[in-house]
Amino acid sequence: MTPLTEADREQLRREADDLTQGYLRSLPIEHFMESTAQSTQRKITVESFDLIAAARPDIQCFSELLVLYPRPGRRKNTGRVVPDNMVVVHPRSIEADGNYDLREQPTLPLLVIEYVSKHSQRKDNDENYDLYEKEVRVPYYLLYYPDNDELTLFRLTGTRYASVAPNEAGRLDIPELEVEVGLLDGWARYWFRGELLPLPAEWKAEMDAVRAELAGERSARQAAEARADAAEAEIARLRALLAERGA
């Protein structure tokens, strides 16, 4: 493949910007109406991958980013699809403002995630499945239906997606990310290197419990020190009293 010149890149950026603006103008109002379950799950995913990125900065998570990809020989030679969340693995920080153009970006998404709710049908998920499998060829596709606790992970095997079976822990494994995903308390949750990733509210509750325990230990230590000081004072008083009597 011939390397892109800077002029080629600038042309691609202009085309991508035009496609992005055209796509935004074409969206119906329903596209922006997300159910509470969908938005909650997206928040869980983003918060979890923020923690992962602290240990693995090459793992980068994006939300609602327009993916542009080449479609050679098609009337519309640039395809478009928008996953709810998308995970890219690359050693350098990905610059993607408004779109992720595969003609210019250094790598494919490794994982795309979509949340489907009967209360907010924002996308054609059957169509997206075909796009991810046959055109973009994303290695992993995670599909979650929060209304009925249905979580499925597909892995690209050859030319087709195959569903990933749960591991011994009952979770779905994505080894390239050192991540497992499974259902917990009605939500799709993430484990990194075998450990459940806490959400901010859980982390705060844990920290509050630790602080309360430390405060209790500090109070107990202060009380013990006060009792020791009182005992020493009493011993000193008794010694003084005995000394007076002996005199």
C-alpha atoms as a PDB file:
ATOM      1  CA  MET A   1       0.000   0.000   0.000  1.00  0.00           C
ATOM      2  CA  THR A   2       1.389   3.400  -1.015  1.00  0.00           C
ATOM      3  CA  PRO A   3       2.058   5.620   2.026  1.00  0.00           C
ATOM      4  CA  LEU A   4      -0.215   8.646   2.330  1.00  0.00           C
ATOM      5  CA  THR A   5       1.321  12.029   1.680  1.00  0.00           C
ATOM      6  CA  GLU A   6       0.412  14.993   3.873  1.00  0.00           C
ATOM      7  CA  ALA A   7      -1.724  16.310   0.993  1.00  0.00           C
ATOM      8  CA  ASP A   8      -3.540  12.949   0.866  1.00  0.00           C
ATOM      9  CA  ARG A   9      -4.132  13.092   4.614  1.00  0.00           C
ATOM     10  CA  GLU A  10      -5.499  16.625   4.428  1.00  0.00           C
ATOM     11  CA  GLN A  11      -7.861  15.567   1.649  1.00  0.00           C
ATOM     12  CA  LEU A  12      -9.045  12.598   3.699  1.00  0.00           C
ATOM     13  CA  ARG A  13      -9.625  14.850   6.712  1.00  0.00           C
ATOM     14  CA  ARG A  14     -11.754  17.233   4.653  1.00  0.00           C
ATOM     15  CA  GLU A  15     -13.766  14.330   3.264  1.00  0.00           C
ATOM     16  CA  ALA A  16     -14.175  12.840   6.741  1.00  0.00           C
ATOM     17  CA  ASP A  17     -15.341  16.164   8.170  1.00  0.00           C
ATOM     18  CA  ASP A  18     -17.884  16.534   5.356  1.00  0.00           C
ATOM     19  CA  LEU A  19     -19.142  12.975   5.888  1.00  0.00           C
ATOM     20  CA  THR A  20     -19.374  13.546   9.645  1.00  0.00           C
ATOM     21  CA  GLN A  21     -21.387  16.750   9.266  1.00  0.00           C
ATOM     22  CA  GLY A  22     -23.629  15.113   6.679  1.00  0.00           C
ATOM     23  CA  TYR A  23     -24.193  12.156   8.969  1.00  0.00           C
ATOM     24  CA  LEU A  24     -25.108  14.412  11.897  1.00  0.00           C
ATOM     25  CA  ARG A  25     -27.605  16.331   9.774  1.00  0.00           C
ATOM     26  CA  SER A  26     -29.217  13.080   8.633  1.00  0.00           C
ATOM     27  CA  LEU A  27     -29.888  11.729  12.125  1.00  0.00           C
ATOM     28  CA  PRO A  28     -33.486  11.667  13.388  1.00  0.00           C
ATOM     29  CA  ILE A  29     -34.219  13.017  16.831  1.00  0.00           C
ATOM     30  CA  GLU A  30     -34.717   9.417  18.063  1.00  0.00           C
ATOM     31  CA  HIS A  31     -31.015   8.779  17.648  1.00  0.00           C
ATOM     32  CA  PHE A  32     -30.242  11.154  20.508  1.00  0.00           C
ATOM     33  CA  MET A  33     -32.877   9.661  22.828  1.00  0.00           C
ATOM     34  CA  GLU A  34     -31.093   7.137  25.018  1.00  0.00           C
ATOM     35  CA  SER A  35     -32.881   5.107  27.677  1.00  0.00           C
ATOM     36  CA  THR A  36     -31.772   5.333  31.303  1.00  0.00           C
ATOM     37  CA  ALA A  37     -30.518   1.739  31.146  1.00  0.00           C
ATOM     38  CA  GLN A  38     -28.424   2.468  28.061  1.00  0.00           C
ATOM     39  CA  SER A  39     -26.875   5.615  29.508  1.00  0.00           C
ATOM     40  CA  THR A  40     -26.192   3.880  32.842  1.00  0.00           C
ATOM     41  CA  GLN A  41     -24.450   0.983  31.119  1.00  0.00           C
ATOM     42  CA  ARG A  42     -22.392   3.355  28.985  1.00  0.00           C
ATOM     43  CA  LYS A  43     -21.284   5.152  32.169  1.00  0.00           C
ATOM     44  CA  ILE A  44     -20.280   1.830  33.761  1.00  0.00           C
ATOM     45  CA  THR A  45     -18.244   0.929  30.680  1.00  0.00           C
ATOM     46  CA  VAL A  46     -16.453   4.274  30.459  1.00  0.00           C
ATOM     47  CA  GLU A  47     -15.668   4.367  34.188  1.00  0.00           C
ATOM     48  CA  SER A  48     -14.321   0.812  34.041  1.00  0.00           C
ATOM     49  CA  PHE A  49     -12.093   1.469  31.046  1.00  0.00           C
ATOM     50  CA  ASP A  50     -10.789   4.638  32.693  1.00  0.00           C
ATOM     51  CA  LEU A  51      -9.420   2.401  35.448  1.00  0.00           C
ATOM     52  CA  ILE A  52      -8.005  -0.062  32.912  1.00  0.00           C
ATOM     53  CA  ALA A  53      -6.227   2.766  31.081  1.00  0.00           C
ATOM     54  CA  ALA A  54      -4.357   3.663  34.277  1.00  0.00           C
ATOM     55  CA  ALA A  55      -2.582   0.273  34.059  1.00  0.00           C
ATOM     56  CA  ARG A  56      -2.779  -0.156  30.287  1.00  0.00           C
ATOM     57  CA  PRO A  57      -2.609   3.297  28.632  1.00  0.00           C
ATOM     58  CA  ASP A  58      -2.596   1.591  25.235  1.00  0.00           C
ATOM     59  CA  ILE A  59      -6.246   0.638  25.819  1.00  0.00           C
ATOM     60  CA  GLN A  60      -8.407   3.601  24.755  1.00  0.00           C
ATOM     61  CA  CYS A  61     -12.199   3.769  25.002  1.00  0.00           C
ATOM     62  CA  PHE A  62     -14.469   6.064  22.952  1.00  0.00           C
ATOM     63  CA  SER A  63     -18.192   6.812  23.031  1.00  0.00           C
ATOM     64  CA  GLU A  64     -20.506   7.448  20.069  1.00  0.00           C
ATOM     65  CA  LEU A  65     -17.642   7.997  17.645  1.00  0.00           C
ATOM     66  CA  LEU A  66     -18.443   7.835  13.935  1.00  0.00           C
ATOM     67  CA  VAL A  67     -16.344   5.113  12.296  1.00  0.00           C
ATOM     68  CA  LEU A  68     -15.588   5.732   8.623  1.00  0.00           C
ATOM     69  CA  TYR A  69     -14.243   2.825   6.590  1.00  0.00           C
ATOM     70  CA  PRO A  70     -13.447   2.190   2.915  1.00  0.00           C
ATOM     71  CA  ARG A  71     -15.890   0.209   0.748  1.00  0.00           C
ATOM     72  CA  PRO A  72     -14.003  -0.431  -2.516  1.00  0.00           C
ATOM     73  CA  GLY A  73     -16.207  -0.854  -5.561  1.00  0.00           C
ATOM     74  CA  ARG A  74     -19.368   0.429  -3.839  1.00  0.00           C
ATOM     75  CA  ARG A  75     -21.446   3.365  -5.008  1.00  0.00           C
ATOM     76  CA  LYS A  76     -20.884   4.917  -1.612  1.00  0.00           C
ATOM     77  CA  ASN A  77     -17.213   4.108  -1.220  1.00  0.00           C
ATOM     78  CA  THR A  78     -17.018   5.205   2.438  1.00  0.00           C
ATOM     79  CA  GLY A  79     -19.088   3.336   5.014  1.00  0.00           C
ATOM     80  CA  ARG A  80     -20.338   4.736   8.316  1.00  0.00           C
ATOM     81  CA  VAL A  81     -21.252   3.150  11.624  1.00  0.00           C
ATOM     82  CA  VAL A  82     -21.428   4.435  15.210  1.00  0.00           C
ATOM     83  CA  PRO A  83     -20.898   1.968  18.082  1.00  0.00           C
ATOM     84  CA  ASP A  84     -22.090   2.987  21.550  1.00  0.00           C
ATOM     85  CA  ASN A  85     -18.569   2.339  22.829  1.00  0.00           C
ATOM     86  CA  MET A  86     -15.423   1.393  20.984  1.00  0.00           C
ATOM     87  CA  VAL A  87     -12.070   0.183  22.328  1.00  0.00           C
ATOM     88  CA  VAL A  88      -8.814   0.675  20.444  1.00  0.00           C
ATOM     89  CA  VAL A  89      -5.412  -0.718  21.425  1.00  0.00           C
ATOM     90  CA  HIS A  90      -2.458   1.392  20.329  1.00  0.00           C
ATOM     91  CA  PRO A  91       0.760   2.498  22.079  1.00  0.00           C
ATOM     92  CA  ARG A  92       0.223   6.164  21.197  1.00  0.00           C
ATOM     93  CA  SER A  93      -2.766   8.319  22.070  1.00  0.00           C
ATOM     94  CA  ILE A  94      -5.410   8.204  19.355  1.00  0.00           C
ATOM     95  CA  GLU A  95      -6.481  11.568  17.962  1.00  0.00           C
ATOM     96  CA  ALA A  96     -10.098  11.274  16.829  1.00  0.00           C
ATOM     97  CA  ASP A  97     -12.250  14.395  16.815  1.00  0.00           C
ATOM     98  CA  GLY A  98     -15.781  13.590  15.701  1.00  0.00           C
ATOM     99  CA  ASN A  99     -14.862  10.531  13.643  1.00  0.00           C
ATOM    100  CA  TYR A 100     -12.522   7.565  13.468  1.00  0.00           C
ATOM    101  CA  ASP A 101     -11.427   7.278   9.848  1.00  0.00           C
ATOM    102  CA  LEU A 102      -9.911   3.854   9.170  1.00  0.00           C
ATOM    103  CA  ARG A 103      -8.271   5.207   6.021  1.00  0.00           C
ATOM    104  CA  GLU A 104      -6.059   7.358   8.252  1.00  0.00           C
ATOM    105  CA  GLN A 105      -6.059   5.857  11.764  1.00  0.00           C
ATOM    106  CA  PRO A 106      -3.236   3.462  12.699  1.00  0.00           C
ATOM    107  CA  THR A 107      -5.380   0.509  13.770  1.00  0.00           C
ATOM    108  CA  LEU A 108      -8.829  -1.084  13.724  1.00  0.00           C
ATOM    109  CA  PRO A 109     -11.058  -1.045  16.795  1.00  0.00           C
ATOM    110  CA  LEU A 110     -10.483  -4.238  18.774  1.00  0.00           C
ATOM    111  CA  LEU A 111     -13.890  -4.152  20.452  1.00  0.00           C
ATOM    112  CA  VAL A 112     -17.213  -2.470  19.723  1.00  0.00           C
ATOM    113  CA  ILE A 113     -20.025  -2.431  22.279  1.00  0.00           C
ATOM    114  CA  GLU A 114     -23.717  -1.712  21.777  1.00  0.00           C
ATOM    115  CA  TYR A 115     -26.592  -1.510  24.250  1.00  0.00           C
ATOM    116  CA  VAL A 116     -30.083  -2.300  22.996  1.00  0.00           C
ATOM    117  CA  SER A 117     -33.238  -1.270  24.857  1.00  0.00           C
ATOM    118  CA  LYS A 118     -36.864  -1.779  23.876  1.00  0.00           C
ATOM    119  CA  HIS A 119     -37.498   1.724  25.233  1.00  0.00           C
ATOM    120  CA  SER A 120     -35.035   3.334  22.822  1.00  0.00           C
ATOM    121  CA  GLN A 121     -34.400   1.670  19.462  1.00  0.00           C
ATOM    122  CA  ARG A 122     -31.675   3.977  18.203  1.00  0.00           C
ATOM    123  CA  LYS A 123     -29.926   1.735  15.688  1.00  0.00           C
ATOM    124  CA  ASP A 124     -30.436  -1.208  13.383  1.00  0.00           C
ATOM    125  CA  ASN A 125     -28.361  -3.752  15.285  1.00  0.00           C
ATOM    126  CA  ASP A 126     -28.821  -6.491  12.698  1.00  0.00           C
ATOM    127  CA  GLU A 127     -27.334  -4.178  10.092  1.00  0.00           C
ATOM    128  CA  ASN A 128     -24.522  -3.132  12.432  1.00  0.00           C
ATOM    129  CA  TYR A 129     -23.703  -6.784  13.167  1.00  0.00           C
ATOM    130  CA  ASP A 130     -23.168  -7.370   9.444  1.00  0.00           C
ATOM    131  CA  LEU A 131     -21.073  -4.211   9.112  1.00  0.00           C
ATOM    132  CA  TYR A 132     -18.790  -5.103  12.012  1.00  0.00           C
ATOM    133  CA  GLU A 133     -18.447  -8.690  10.809  1.00  0.00           C
ATOM    134  CA  LYS A 134     -18.148  -8.321   7.037  1.00  0.00           C
ATOM    135  CA  GLU A 135     -16.984  -4.782   6.313  1.00  0.00           C
ATOM    136  CA  VAL A 136     -15.116  -3.293   9.273  1.00  0.00           C
ATOM    137  CA  ARG A 137     -14.075  -6.745  10.543  1.00  0.00           C
ATOM    138  CA  VAL A 138     -13.868  -5.811  14.209  1.00  0.00           C
ATOM    139  CA  PRO A 139     -12.343  -8.693  16.226  1.00  0.00           C
ATOM    140  CA  TYR A 140     -14.851  -8.473  19.114  1.00  0.00           C
ATOM    141  CA  TYR A 141     -18.478  -7.310  19.271  1.00  0.00           C
ATOM    142  CA  LEU A 142     -20.229  -7.100  22.643  1.00  0.00           C
ATOM    143  CA  LEU A 143     -24.019  -6.834  22.542  1.00  0.00           C
ATOM    144  CA  TYR A 144     -25.993  -6.155  25.715  1.00  0.00           C
ATOM    145  CA  TYR A 145     -29.773  -6.041  26.230  1.00  0.00           C
ATOM    146  CA  PRO A 146     -30.228  -4.461  29.677  1.00  0.00           C
ATOM    147  CA  ASP A 147     -34.004  -5.032  29.675  1.00  0.00           C
ATOM    148  CA  ASN A 148     -33.614  -8.812  29.826  1.00  0.00           C
ATOM    149  CA  ASP A 149     -30.041  -9.273  31.114  1.00  0.00           C
ATOM    150  CA  GLU A 150     -28.782 -10.721  27.840  1.00  0.00           C
ATOM    151  CA  LEU A 151     -25.069 -10.336  27.230  1.00  0.00           C
ATOM    152  CA  THR A 152     -23.331 -11.830  24.183  1.00  0.00           C
ATOM    153  CA  LEU A 153     -19.738 -11.502  23.040  1.00  0.00           C
ATOM    154  CA  PHE A 154     -18.888 -12.332  19.445  1.00  0.00           C
ATOM    155  CA  ARG A 155     -15.367 -13.032  18.215  1.00  0.00           C
ATOM    156  CA  LEU A 156     -14.351 -12.850  14.582  1.00  0.00           C
ATOM    157  CA  THR A 157     -13.187 -16.309  13.554  1.00  0.00           C
ATOM    158  CA  GLY A 158     -12.153 -16.439   9.930  1.00  0.00           C
ATOM    159  CA  THR A 159     -14.894 -14.588   8.073  1.00  0.00           C
ATOM    160  CA  ARG A 160     -17.724 -15.009  10.587  1.00  0.00           C
ATOM    161  CA  TYR A 161     -18.599 -14.044  14.128  1.00  0.00           C
ATOM    162  CA  ALA A 162     -18.893 -16.837  16.674  1.00  0.00           C
ATOM    163  CA  SER A 163     -20.275 -16.355  20.161  1.00  0.00           C
ATOM    164  CA  VAL A 164     -17.732 -16.659  22.973  1.00  0.00           C
ATOM    165  CA  ALA A 165     -18.551 -19.250  25.630  1.00  0.00           C
ATOM    166  CA  PRO A 166     -18.269 -18.209  29.301  1.00  0.00           C
ATOM    167  CA  ASN A 167     -15.068 -19.210  31.082  1.00  0.00           C
ATOM    168  CA  GLU A 168     -14.893 -21.177  34.349  1.00  0.00           C
ATOM    169  CA  ALA A 169     -15.832 -18.039  36.265  1.00  0.00           C
ATOM    170  CA  GLY A 170     -18.931 -17.586  34.098  1.00  0.00           C
ATOM    171  CA  ARG A 171     -17.507 -14.515  32.377  1.00  0.00           C
ATOM    172  CA  LEU A 172     -16.683 -13.659  28.759  1.00  0.00           C
ATOM    173  CA  ASP A 173     -12.969 -13.317  28.128  1.00  0.00           C
ATOM    174  CA  ILE A 174     -11.172 -10.776  25.909  1.00  0.00           C
ATOM    175  CA  PRO A 175      -7.551 -11.840  26.440  1.00  0.00           C
ATOM    176  CA  GLU A 176      -6.008  -9.068  24.323  1.00  0.00           C
ATOM    177  CA  LEU A 177      -7.376  -6.565  26.851  1.00  0.00           C
ATOM    178  CA  GLU A 178      -6.815  -8.765  29.944  1.00  0.00           C
ATOM    179  CA  VAL A 179     -10.523  -8.124  30.471  1.00  0.00           C
ATOM    180  CA  GLU A 180     -13.533 -10.273  31.271  1.00  0.00           C
ATOM    181  CA  VAL A 181     -17.131  -9.095  31.139  1.00  0.00           C
ATOM    182  CA  GLY A 182     -20.121 -10.587  32.926  1.00  0.00           C
ATOM    183  CA  LEU A 183     -23.464  -9.746  34.447  1.00  0.00           C
ATOM    184  CA  LEU A 184     -23.540  -8.522  38.044  1.00  0.00           C
ATOM    185  CA  ASP A 185     -26.578  -7.023  39.769  1.00  0.00           C
ATOM    186  CA  GLY A 186     -28.286  -6.438  36.431  1.00  0.00           C
ATOM    187  CA  TRP A 187     -25.405  -4.708  34.646  1.00  0.00           C
ATOM    188  CA  ALA A 188     -22.525  -5.684  32.410  1.00  0.00           C
ATOM    189  CA  ARG A 189     -19.452  -5.367  34.614  1.00  0.00           C
ATOM    190  CA  TYR A 190     -15.756  -5.667  33.838  1.00  0.00           C
ATOM    191  CA  TRP A 191     -12.919  -7.610  35.465  1.00  0.00           C
ATOM    192  CA  PHE A 192      -9.301  -6.652  34.753  1.00  0.00           C
ATOM    193  CA  ARG A 193      -6.568  -9.207  35.431  1.00  0.00           C
ATOM    194  CA  GLY A 194      -9.104 -11.213  37.386  1.00  0.00           C
ATOM    195  CA  GLU A 195     -10.251  -8.378  39.668  1.00  0.00           C
ATOM    196  CA  LEU A 196     -13.678  -6.738  39.510  1.00  0.00           C
ATOM    197  CA  LEU A 197     -13.327  -3.082  38.570  1.00  0.00           C
ATOM    198  CA  PRO A 198     -15.159  -0.972  41.162  1.00  0.00           C
ATOM    199  CA  LEU A 199     -17.480   1.844  40.191  1.00  0.00           C
ATOM    200  CA  PRO A 200     -16.990   5.288  41.791  1.00  0.00           C
ATOM    201  CA  ALA A 201     -19.895   4.798  44.207  1.00  0.00           C
ATOM    202  CA  GLU A 202     -18.502   1.414  45.268  1.00  0.00           C
ATOM    203  CA  TRP A 203     -15.020   2.844  45.599  1.00  0.00           C
ATOM    204  CA  LYS A 204     -16.342   5.692  47.753  1.00  0.00           C
ATOM    205  CA  ALA A 205     -18.276   3.281  49.975  1.00  0.00           C
ATOM    206  CA  GLU A 206     -15.135   1.179  50.399  1.00  0.00           C
ATOM    207  CA  MET A 207     -13.015   4.245  51.169  1.00  0.00           C
ATOM    208  CA  ASP A 208     -15.640   5.499  53.636  1.00  0.00           C
ATOM    209  CA  ALA A 209     -15.562   2.114  55.375  1.00  0.00           C
ATOM    210  CA  VAL A 210     -11.760   2.195  55.522  1.00  0.00           C
ATOM    211  CA  ARG A 211     -11.814   5.754  56.879  1.00  0.00           C
ATOM    212  CA  ALA A 212     -14.417   4.769  59.496  1.00  0.00           C
ATOM    213  CA  GLU A 213     -12.294   1.779  60.507  1.00  0.00           C
ATOM    214  CA  LEU A 214      -9.175   3.936  60.779  1.00  0.00           C
ATOM    215  CA  ALA A 215     -11.104   6.561  62.742  1.00  0.00           C
ATOM    216  CA  GLY A 216     -12.328   3.836  65.108  1.00  0.00           C
ATOM    217  CA  GLU A 217      -8.798   2.512  65.541  1.00  0.00           C
ATOM    218  CA  ARG A 218      -7.540   6.055  66.170  1.00  0.00           C
ATOM    219  CA  SER A 219     -10.250   6.646  68.799  1.00  0.00           C
ATOM    220  CA  ALA A 220      -9.470   3.325  70.460  1.00  0.00           C
ATOM    221  CA  ARG A 221      -5.742   4.149  70.466  1.00  0.00           C
ATOM    222  CA  GLN A 222      -6.407   7.603  71.922  1.00  0.00           C
ATOM    223  CA  ALA A 223      -8.645   6.083  74.598  1.00  0.00           C
ATOM    224  CA  ALA A 224      -5.962   3.498  75.440  1.00  0.00           C
ATOM    225  CA  GLU A 225      -3.321   6.235  75.619  1.00  0.00           C
ATOM    226  CA  ALA A 226      -5.600   8.270  77.910  1.00  0.00           C
ATOM    227  CA  ARG A 227      -6.075   5.248  80.189  1.00  0.00           C
ATOM    228  CA  ALA A 228      -2.313   4.639  80.243  1.00  0.00           C
ATOM    229  CA  ASP A 229      -1.660   8.295  81.105  1.00  0.00           C
ATOM    230  CA  ALA A 230      -4.255   8.094  83.902  1.00  0.00           C
ATOM    231  CA  ALA A 231      -2.694   4.880  85.225  1.00  0.00           C
ATOM    232  CA  GLU A 232       0.776   6.436  85.225  1.00  0.00           C
ATOM    233  CA  ALA A 233      -0.589   9.483  87.044  1.00  0.00           C
ATOM    234  CA  GLU A 234      -2.242   7.255  89.631  1.00  0.00           C
ATOM    235  CA  ILE A 235       0.976   5.271  90.138  1.00  0.00           C
ATOM    236  CA  ALA A 236       2.899   8.500  90.577  1.00  0.00           C
ATOM    237  CA  ARG A 237       0.335   9.712  93.115  1.00  0.00           C
ATOM    238  CA  LEU A 238       0.526   6.449  95.073  1.00  0.00           C
ATOM    239  CA  ARG A 239       4.328   6.523  95.092  1.00  0.00           C
ATOM    240  CA  ALA A 240       4.259  10.058  96.354  1.00  0.00           C
ATOM    241  CA  LEU A 241       1.806   9.097  99.054  1.00  0.00           C
ATOM    242  CA  LEU A 242       3.922   6.126 100.176  1.00  0.00           C
ATOM    243  CA  ALA A 243       6.994   8.334 100.215  1.00  0.00           C
ATOM    244  CA  GLU A 244       5.245  10.800 102.503  1.00  0.00           C
ATOM    245  CA  ARG A 245       4.197   8.057 104.914  1.00  0.00           C
ATOM    246  CA  GLY A 246       7.649   6.538 104.955  1.00  0.00           C
ATOM    247  CA  ALA A 247       9.140   9.870 105.806  1.00  0.00           C
END
